[in-house]
Amino acid sequence: MPHTPLRWTRKHLLTLEALSADELRFVLDTADSFKEVSTRSVKKVPALRGRVVVNCFFEDSTRTRTSFALAAQRLSADLIDFSEKGSSISKGETLIDTARNIEAMGVDIIVIRHPAAGAADLLARTVNCSVVNAGDGAHEHPTQGLLDLYTIRERFGKIEGLKVAIVGDIVNSRVARSNLWALTKMGAEVILVGPPTLLSKSFEALGARVHHNFDEVIGEVDVINMLRVQFERIKTSQFPTVREFTRLFGLNQERFARCKKNVFVMHPGPMNRGIEISSTIADGPQSGILKQVTNGLAVRMAVLYLVTHSG
């Protein structure tokens, strides 16, 4: 197995597609060192004291936005929370001009979530500060991919050799893409499952197995990552009825009974309970959903720290 690199050299985190297996391990190992901070009576370290982080979110978010805010605060950074509503963007200012004006205030990191794929990359080519992609359109969600990777490694002690099923609305999912890049680089087999309208065979070229029948693979996988049905992105022609989707691709008790005994269940949230996953499974002992939220904080602390200490 290749050695973990001795230092981190990336100023930005834009995509997991660009990261090597060594770099992925480096982030996970760094997150390990930050995880215990949340167990202290005083949940703070001075790693980013004097640095300024801007949360720049152009889409609704609870988990990711709050997680990045907490991560910055626990590293002792100053935090600015920016939203499109009430900003100059609502008056017609471009994303680039807004970012340049924010940077001119002495900002060190811009964390951006944007509905347009490539928005984070555009910013990184425009500003001098670090840029962290918190989700761009249906492209990638790098920190979600990293926290999923971290949670799987924590649960099994490894990633190599595991079979991971990612199930549901694949075509609209930035989480699926980040997970696919990260898991395959770390030696896992990724099986994408969904209806043909939401999962094309073209994903096979990215290294995944593609299945349109959940029941064919349910008994062979070690991890099941159920994706949220993104009703806000789905076109009516892509989607059967909700009842039909749940019947064919939902993780219900009958399906769960045919899984491996130690199967690990994940979900990036927010969940549509009773549609993609039943509540008894989501809240059950084989669910890692709340672990993902906890681990997301450590991973985002690691990312914010690393991009400001690159070189």
Protein backbone atom coordinates (compact mmCIF):
# COMPACT_ATOMS: atom_id res chain seq x y z
CA MET A 1 0.00 0.00 0.00
CA PRO A 2 1.43 3.45 -0.91
CA HIS A 3 2.57 5.69 1.92
CA THR A 4 0.48 8.64 3.05
CA PRO A 5 2.01 11.89 1.74
CA LEU A 6 4.02 13.86 4.29
CA ARG A 7 2.26 17.14 3.54
CA TRP A 8 -0.84 18.58 1.90
CA THR A 9 -0.26 20.78 -1.15
CA ARG A 10 -3.73 21.78 -2.34
CA LYS A 11 -4.95 25.31 -1.72
CA HIS A 12 -8.56 24.40 -2.61
CA LEU A 13 -10.90 21.44 -2.23
CA LEU A 14 -13.07 21.44 -5.33
CA THR A 15 -13.55 17.78 -6.27
CA LEU A 16 -12.61 14.29 -5.12
CA GLU A 17 -12.04 13.27 -8.73
CA ALA A 18 -8.74 15.16 -8.62
CA LEU A 19 -7.50 13.63 -5.36
CA SER A 20 -5.26 10.56 -5.14
CA ALA A 21 -5.83 7.69 -2.72
CA ASP A 22 -2.92 9.03 -0.65
CA GLU A 23 -4.53 12.46 -0.42
CA LEU A 24 -7.86 10.94 0.59
CA ARG A 25 -6.13 9.00 3.37
CA PHE A 26 -4.35 12.16 4.46
CA VAL A 27 -7.66 14.00 4.95
CA LEU A 28 -9.17 11.06 6.84
CA ASP A 29 -6.12 10.78 9.09
CA THR A 30 -6.20 14.52 9.75
CA ALA A 31 -9.90 14.26 10.63
CA ASP A 32 -8.97 11.55 13.16
CA SER A 33 -6.79 14.06 14.98
CA PHE A 34 -9.61 16.62 15.13
CA LYS A 35 -12.45 14.30 16.13
CA GLU A 36 -11.61 14.27 19.83
CA VAL A 37 -11.95 18.07 20.00
CA SER A 38 -15.74 17.64 20.07
CA THR A 39 -15.46 15.47 23.20
CA ARG A 40 -13.63 18.13 25.24
CA SER A 41 -15.30 20.33 27.83
CA VAL A 42 -13.99 23.33 25.87
CA LYS A 43 -14.60 22.38 22.24
CA LYS A 44 -12.00 24.64 20.62
CA VAL A 45 -8.45 24.59 19.30
CA PRO A 46 -6.49 27.64 18.05
CA ALA A 47 -5.54 26.11 14.67
CA LEU A 48 -7.24 28.87 12.60
CA ARG A 49 -7.11 31.74 15.07
CA GLY A 50 -6.98 35.02 13.15
CA ARG A 51 -8.30 33.42 9.93
CA VAL A 52 -11.64 34.39 8.37
CA VAL A 53 -14.03 31.85 6.82
CA VAL A 54 -17.08 32.84 4.76
CA ASN A 55 -20.01 30.45 4.38
CA CYS A 56 -21.35 31.44 0.96
CA PHE A 57 -24.52 29.39 0.34
CA PHE A 58 -26.77 29.91 -2.66
CA GLU A 59 -28.94 26.88 -1.91
CA ASP A 60 -30.84 25.85 1.19
CA SER A 61 -28.81 23.74 3.58
CA THR A 62 -28.97 22.79 7.23
CA ARG A 63 -26.39 20.06 7.85
CA THR A 64 -23.59 21.23 5.58
CA ARG A 65 -23.90 24.91 6.42
CA THR A 66 -24.09 24.30 10.18
CA SER A 67 -21.28 21.74 10.03
CA PHE A 68 -18.92 24.16 8.25
CA ALA A 69 -19.88 26.96 10.67
CA LEU A 70 -19.16 24.78 13.69
CA ALA A 71 -15.93 23.49 12.13
CA ALA A 72 -14.67 27.06 11.62
CA GLN A 73 -15.66 28.09 15.14
CA ARG A 74 -14.01 25.07 16.76
CA LEU A 75 -10.80 25.94 14.94
CA SER A 76 -11.11 29.48 16.40
CA ALA A 77 -11.64 31.14 13.00
CA ASP A 78 -13.84 34.20 12.53
CA LEU A 79 -16.99 33.25 10.60
CA ILE A 80 -19.11 35.29 8.20
CA ASP A 81 -22.42 33.79 7.10
CA PHE A 82 -23.41 34.98 3.62
CA SER A 83 -26.72 34.27 1.89
CA GLU A 84 -28.02 35.34 -1.50
CA LYS A 85 -31.20 36.85 -0.08
CA GLY A 86 -30.60 40.48 0.75
CA SER A 87 -27.16 40.48 -0.91
CA SER A 88 -25.96 42.42 -3.93
CA ILE A 89 -26.46 39.28 -6.05
CA SER A 90 -30.21 39.78 -5.66
CA LYS A 91 -29.61 43.21 -7.22
CA GLY A 92 -27.80 41.75 -10.23
CA GLU A 93 -24.16 41.52 -9.10
CA THR A 94 -22.26 38.56 -10.55
CA LEU A 95 -20.91 35.72 -8.45
CA ILE A 96 -17.33 36.70 -9.35
CA ASP A 97 -17.79 40.34 -8.32
CA THR A 98 -19.43 39.27 -5.07
CA ALA A 99 -16.56 36.88 -4.31
CA ARG A 100 -13.92 39.50 -5.11
CA ASN A 101 -15.61 41.99 -2.80
CA ILE A 102 -15.82 39.43 -0.02
CA GLU A 103 -12.16 38.53 -0.49
CA ALA A 104 -11.18 42.21 -0.35
CA MET A 105 -12.38 42.23 3.27
CA GLY A 106 -9.50 39.95 4.24
CA VAL A 107 -11.10 36.54 3.89
CA ASP A 108 -8.95 33.38 3.96
CA ILE A 109 -11.48 30.70 2.91
CA ILE A 110 -14.70 30.84 0.93
CA VAL A 111 -16.97 27.83 1.44
CA ILE A 112 -19.45 27.82 -1.43
CA ARG A 113 -22.59 25.89 -2.26
CA HIS A 114 -24.15 26.81 -5.59
CA PRO A 115 -26.80 25.31 -7.92
CA ALA A 116 -24.48 25.63 -10.94
CA ALA A 117 -21.94 22.88 -11.57
CA GLY A 118 -18.46 24.38 -11.77
CA ALA A 119 -19.20 27.42 -9.59
CA ALA A 120 -16.52 26.49 -7.04
CA ASP A 121 -13.93 25.95 -9.77
CA LEU A 122 -14.80 29.33 -11.30
CA LEU A 123 -14.24 31.02 -7.94
CA ALA A 124 -10.93 29.22 -7.38
CA ARG A 125 -9.67 30.61 -10.69
CA THR A 126 -10.81 34.10 -9.75
CA VAL A 127 -9.87 34.72 -6.11
CA ASN A 128 -6.57 34.37 -4.24
CA CYS A 129 -8.01 32.87 -1.06
CA SER A 130 -8.82 29.17 -0.60
CA VAL A 131 -12.12 27.81 -1.94
CA VAL A 132 -13.95 24.78 -0.54
CA ASN A 133 -16.76 23.25 -2.57
CA ALA A 134 -19.80 22.55 -0.39
CA GLY A 135 -21.78 21.21 -3.35
CA ASP A 136 -22.05 22.51 -6.92
CA GLY A 137 -25.16 21.54 -8.85
CA ALA A 138 -25.22 17.85 -9.76
CA HIS A 139 -21.41 17.79 -10.03
CA GLU A 140 -19.77 16.99 -6.67
CA HIS A 141 -20.06 17.34 -2.89
CA PRO A 142 -16.48 16.60 -1.79
CA THR A 143 -16.84 16.91 1.98
CA GLN A 144 -19.91 14.64 1.98
CA GLY A 145 -17.89 12.07 0.04
CA LEU A 146 -15.05 12.40 2.55
CA LEU A 147 -17.28 12.04 5.60
CA ASP A 148 -18.96 8.99 4.06
CA LEU A 149 -15.51 7.51 3.42
CA TYR A 150 -14.47 8.30 6.99
CA THR A 151 -17.63 6.71 8.43
CA ILE A 152 -17.19 3.51 6.40
CA ARG A 153 -13.53 3.23 7.41
CA GLU A 154 -14.47 3.80 11.05
CA ARG A 155 -17.13 1.08 10.90
CA PHE A 156 -15.11 -1.61 9.07
CA GLY A 157 -11.53 -0.57 9.78
CA LYS A 158 -10.90 -0.52 6.03
CA ILE A 159 -12.43 0.42 2.68
CA GLU A 160 -10.55 -1.81 0.28
CA GLY A 161 -12.54 -4.89 -0.74
CA LEU A 162 -15.92 -3.64 0.48
CA LYS A 163 -18.99 -3.60 -1.75
CA VAL A 164 -20.94 -0.36 -1.49
CA ALA A 165 -24.38 0.15 -3.04
CA ILE A 166 -25.47 3.73 -3.72
CA VAL A 167 -29.21 3.67 -4.34
CA GLY A 168 -31.79 6.02 -5.79
CA ASP A 169 -31.62 9.28 -7.71
CA ILE A 170 -28.10 8.93 -9.09
CA VAL A 171 -28.25 11.28 -12.07
CA ASN A 172 -29.13 14.33 -9.94
CA SER A 173 -26.80 13.41 -7.08
CA ARG A 174 -23.52 15.21 -6.43
CA VAL A 175 -23.10 12.92 -3.39
CA ALA A 176 -23.11 9.83 -5.62
CA ARG A 177 -20.37 11.24 -7.83
CA SER A 178 -18.08 12.22 -4.96
CA ASN A 179 -18.63 8.84 -3.30
CA LEU A 180 -17.95 7.00 -6.53
CA TRP A 181 -14.60 8.75 -7.09
CA ALA A 182 -13.47 8.35 -3.48
CA LEU A 183 -14.57 4.76 -2.91
CA THR A 184 -13.12 3.36 -6.12
CA LYS A 185 -9.78 5.07 -5.48
CA MET A 186 -9.71 3.50 -2.03
CA GLY A 187 -10.34 0.02 -3.41
CA ALA A 188 -14.07 -0.49 -2.83
CA GLU A 189 -16.48 -1.84 -5.43
CA VAL A 190 -19.28 0.63 -6.10
CA ILE A 191 -22.68 -0.59 -7.26
CA LEU A 192 -25.07 2.12 -8.43
CA VAL A 193 -28.76 1.21 -8.25
CA GLY A 194 -31.74 3.14 -9.58
CA PRO A 195 -34.39 3.34 -12.30
CA PRO A 196 -33.05 3.73 -15.87
CA THR A 197 -34.41 7.29 -16.02
CA LEU A 198 -32.26 8.27 -13.01
CA LEU A 199 -29.22 6.07 -13.71
CA SER A 200 -27.66 5.65 -17.13
CA LYS A 201 -25.20 2.97 -18.19
CA SER A 202 -22.65 5.74 -18.81
CA PHE A 203 -21.70 5.52 -15.12
CA GLU A 204 -20.00 2.20 -15.90
CA ALA A 205 -17.26 4.21 -17.64
CA LEU A 206 -16.49 5.79 -14.25
CA GLY A 207 -15.79 2.41 -12.70
CA ALA A 208 -19.16 1.49 -11.18
CA ARG A 209 -21.45 -1.47 -11.67
CA VAL A 210 -24.90 -0.29 -12.74
CA HIS A 211 -28.08 -2.13 -11.74
CA HIS A 212 -31.73 -1.27 -12.21
CA ASN A 213 -32.93 -4.03 -9.88
CA PHE A 214 -32.20 -3.43 -6.19
CA ASP A 215 -33.18 -6.98 -5.22
CA GLU A 216 -30.47 -8.47 -7.44
CA VAL A 217 -27.67 -6.94 -5.35
CA ILE A 218 -29.22 -6.45 -1.91
CA GLY A 219 -27.67 -9.59 -0.42
CA GLU A 220 -24.06 -9.06 -1.56
CA VAL A 221 -23.25 -5.54 -0.35
CA ASP A 222 -21.54 -4.44 2.88
CA VAL A 223 -22.79 -0.85 2.79
CA ILE A 224 -26.03 0.65 1.48
CA ASN A 225 -26.05 4.40 0.96
CA MET A 226 -29.61 5.53 0.28
CA LEU A 227 -29.87 8.85 -1.56
CA ARG A 228 -32.58 11.43 -1.05
CA VAL A 229 -35.12 11.63 -3.85
CA GLN A 230 -34.48 15.17 -5.09
CA PHE A 231 -37.97 16.25 -5.99
CA GLU A 232 -36.75 19.81 -6.63
CA ARG A 233 -34.42 18.61 -9.43
CA ILE A 234 -36.41 15.75 -10.94
CA LYS A 235 -38.35 16.25 -14.12
CA THR A 236 -41.72 14.49 -14.24
CA SER A 237 -40.61 12.39 -17.23
CA GLN A 238 -37.73 10.97 -15.15
CA PHE A 239 -39.81 9.67 -12.33
CA PRO A 240 -42.63 7.16 -11.83
CA THR A 241 -45.04 7.64 -8.94
CA VAL A 242 -43.57 7.95 -5.45
CA ARG A 243 -45.30 4.70 -4.51
CA GLU A 244 -43.71 2.91 -7.46
CA PHE A 245 -40.24 4.26 -6.62
CA THR A 246 -40.58 3.16 -2.99
CA ARG A 247 -41.76 -0.29 -4.02
CA LEU A 248 -38.82 -0.87 -6.36
CA PHE A 249 -35.98 1.08 -4.72
CA GLY A 250 -36.94 1.85 -1.12
CA LEU A 251 -35.08 0.20 1.76
CA ASN A 252 -37.95 -1.38 3.65
CA GLN A 253 -38.02 -4.14 6.27
CA GLU A 254 -38.66 -6.91 3.75
CA ARG A 255 -35.60 -5.92 1.72
CA PHE A 256 -33.50 -5.29 4.82
CA ALA A 257 -34.16 -8.87 5.99
CA ARG A 258 -32.31 -10.14 2.90
CA CYS A 259 -29.20 -8.02 3.52
CA LYS A 260 -25.96 -9.27 5.07
CA LYS A 261 -26.29 -9.49 8.84
CA ASN A 262 -23.71 -6.77 9.42
CA VAL A 263 -24.80 -4.47 6.58
CA PHE A 264 -24.15 -0.79 7.29
CA VAL A 265 -26.87 1.68 6.26
CA MET A 266 -26.11 5.31 5.37
CA HIS A 267 -27.98 8.36 4.09
CA PRO A 268 -26.59 11.86 3.35
CA GLY A 269 -29.79 13.54 4.57
CA PRO A 270 -32.25 15.04 4.69
CA MET A 271 -34.31 11.86 4.55
CA ASN A 272 -37.70 11.34 2.98
CA ARG A 273 -38.79 8.81 5.58
CA GLY A 274 -40.99 6.08 4.20
CA ILE A 275 -39.93 6.84 0.62
CA GLU A 276 -36.25 5.92 0.21
CA ILE A 277 -35.85 4.42 3.69
CA SER A 278 -38.14 3.25 6.48
CA SER A 279 -37.85 4.91 9.89
CA THR A 280 -37.14 1.66 11.74
CA ILE A 281 -34.03 1.08 9.61
CA ALA A 282 -32.91 4.73 9.66
CA ASP A 283 -33.09 4.76 13.46
CA GLY A 284 -31.91 1.17 13.95
CA PRO A 285 -28.62 -0.25 15.27
CA GLN A 286 -27.13 -0.81 11.79
CA SER A 287 -27.66 2.78 10.74
CA GLY A 288 -24.69 5.14 10.54
CA ILE A 289 -26.73 8.23 9.66
CA LEU A 290 -26.07 10.20 12.86
CA LYS A 291 -22.44 9.01 12.81
CA GLN A 292 -22.15 10.64 9.39
CA VAL A 293 -23.29 13.95 10.87
CA THR A 294 -20.81 13.67 13.76
CA ASN A 295 -17.96 12.69 11.46
CA GLY A 296 -18.80 15.48 9.05
CA LEU A 297 -17.69 18.01 11.63
CA ALA A 298 -14.25 16.39 12.06
CA VAL A 299 -13.79 16.04 8.30
CA ARG A 300 -14.69 19.69 7.66
CA MET A 301 -12.34 20.83 10.41
CA ALA A 302 -9.61 18.83 8.68
CA VAL A 303 -10.42 20.36 5.26
CA LEU A 304 -10.46 23.95 6.54
CA TYR A 305 -7.18 23.37 8.33
CA LEU A 306 -5.47 21.70 5.37
CA VAL A 307 -6.36 24.24 2.68
CA THR A 308 -4.94 27.03 4.84
CA HIS A 309 -1.75 25.08 5.57
CA SER A 310 -0.99 23.91 2.02
CA GLY A 311 2.46 24.13 0.51
